[in-house]
Amino acid sequence: MSDDWKVGDLAVCIDDRWCGCGRADCGMKAVAPRKEQLLRVSAVHSVINRQFLRFDEGPADHFWHAVAFRKVKPDTGAADDALWVEQLQHLRRRVPA
């Protein structure tokens, strides 16, 4: 497994071909994650070396194959670029205190 998923991880959908039935009224399409949608993992289920994910944004009884998602690692590092910070301060609107 390339990613070890856990509850609370952020995932982006990279493949939204969930149902091959071809029916326009397929109920799966209404609840399935959409390509490029950002989701938060609420449960992880492993079956025969495959991981399935459930999301806060979806139904509680649906799991989706983890290969259709990529883990998003938020940038939590501090901004070190002093020049960039100085430029932002010049853009700040002056408001009387």
Protein backbone atom coordinates (compact mmCIF):
# COMPACT_ATOMS: atom_id res chain seq x y z
CA MET A 1 0.00 0.00 0.00
CA SER A 2 1.41 3.34 -1.01
CA ASP A 3 -0.57 5.36 1.53
CA ASP A 4 -1.42 4.40 5.08
CA TRP A 5 -4.75 6.12 5.50
CA LYS A 6 -6.13 7.12 8.88
CA VAL A 7 -9.16 8.97 10.18
CA GLY A 8 -8.80 12.74 9.75
CA ASP A 9 -6.64 12.57 6.61
CA LEU A 10 -7.52 14.82 3.70
CA ALA A 11 -8.07 13.11 0.35
CA VAL A 12 -8.58 14.42 -3.15
CA CYS A 13 -10.57 12.32 -5.63
CA ILE A 14 -8.53 11.51 -8.75
CA ASP A 15 -10.95 9.09 -10.44
CA ASP A 16 -14.73 9.42 -10.40
CA ARG A 17 -15.77 6.47 -12.62
CA TRP A 18 -17.70 4.73 -9.87
CA CYS A 19 -20.39 2.88 -11.72
CA GLY A 20 -20.25 1.11 -15.06
CA CYS A 21 -23.96 0.38 -15.32
CA GLY A 22 -24.54 3.16 -17.86
CA ARG A 23 -27.93 4.12 -16.45
CA ALA A 24 -28.64 7.86 -16.24
CA ASP A 25 -30.70 7.32 -13.07
CA CYS A 26 -27.98 5.35 -11.26
CA GLY A 27 -28.16 6.18 -7.55
CA MET A 28 -24.41 5.69 -7.08
CA LYS A 29 -23.57 8.85 -9.03
CA ALA A 30 -25.60 11.03 -6.66
CA VAL A 31 -23.55 10.09 -3.58
CA ALA A 32 -20.16 9.34 -5.16
CA PRO A 33 -17.18 11.68 -4.73
CA ARG A 34 -16.46 13.90 -7.74
CA LYS A 35 -13.08 14.26 -9.40
CA GLU A 36 -10.92 16.90 -7.67
CA GLN A 37 -13.26 17.02 -4.65
CA LEU A 38 -11.45 17.43 -1.32
CA LEU A 39 -12.75 15.13 1.42
CA ARG A 40 -11.92 14.28 5.04
CA VAL A 41 -11.59 10.59 5.92
CA SER A 42 -13.99 9.45 8.66
CA ALA A 43 -13.22 5.70 8.57
CA VAL A 44 -10.75 3.28 6.98
CA HIS A 45 -11.57 -0.36 6.26
CA SER A 46 -9.01 -2.91 5.04
CA VAL A 47 -9.97 -6.05 3.13
CA ILE A 48 -7.40 -8.40 1.56
CA ASN A 49 -4.61 -5.78 1.36
CA ARG A 50 -6.95 -3.15 -0.05
CA GLN A 51 -8.09 -0.03 1.75
CA PHE A 52 -11.53 1.52 1.52
CA LEU A 53 -12.37 5.01 2.76
CA ARG A 54 -15.50 6.61 4.17
CA PHE A 55 -15.78 10.40 4.25
CA ASP A 56 -17.42 13.00 6.50
CA GLU A 57 -19.05 14.52 3.41
CA GLY A 58 -20.79 11.33 2.26
CA PRO A 59 -23.23 8.68 3.43
CA ALA A 60 -22.20 6.70 6.50
CA ASP A 61 -22.84 3.36 4.77
CA HIS A 62 -20.61 3.93 1.68
CA PHE A 63 -16.91 3.17 1.39
CA TRP A 64 -14.75 4.00 -1.65
CA HIS A 65 -11.63 2.25 -2.91
CA ALA A 66 -8.54 4.16 -1.75
CA VAL A 67 -6.75 3.88 -5.13
CA ALA A 68 -9.13 6.54 -6.47
CA PHE A 69 -7.79 9.08 -3.95
CA ARG A 70 -4.52 10.79 -3.15
CA LYS A 71 -3.59 11.95 0.32
CA VAL A 72 -3.27 15.71 0.71
CA LYS A 73 -0.51 16.84 3.02
CA PRO A 74 -1.28 20.39 4.17
CA ASP A 75 1.60 22.87 4.28
CA THR A 76 1.95 23.65 7.97
CA GLY A 77 5.41 25.20 7.83
CA ALA A 78 5.96 28.82 8.75
CA ALA A 79 6.62 31.36 6.02
CA ASP A 80 10.36 32.10 6.09
CA ASP A 81 10.50 34.56 3.24
CA ALA A 82 10.99 37.95 4.92
CA LEU A 83 10.64 39.83 1.62
CA TRP A 84 7.28 38.20 0.93
CA VAL A 85 6.03 39.06 4.44
CA GLU A 86 7.17 42.67 3.98
CA GLN A 87 5.27 42.91 0.68
CA LEU A 88 2.12 41.60 2.35
CA GLN A 89 2.40 44.19 5.10
CA HIS A 90 2.49 46.96 2.47
CA LEU A 91 -0.73 45.62 0.96
CA ARG A 92 -2.53 45.67 4.30
CA ARG A 93 -5.15 48.38 4.55
CA ARG A 94 -4.51 50.95 7.28
CA VAL A 95 -7.42 51.21 9.68
CA PRO A 96 -7.49 53.64 12.62
CA ALA A 97 -7.45 51.86 15.97
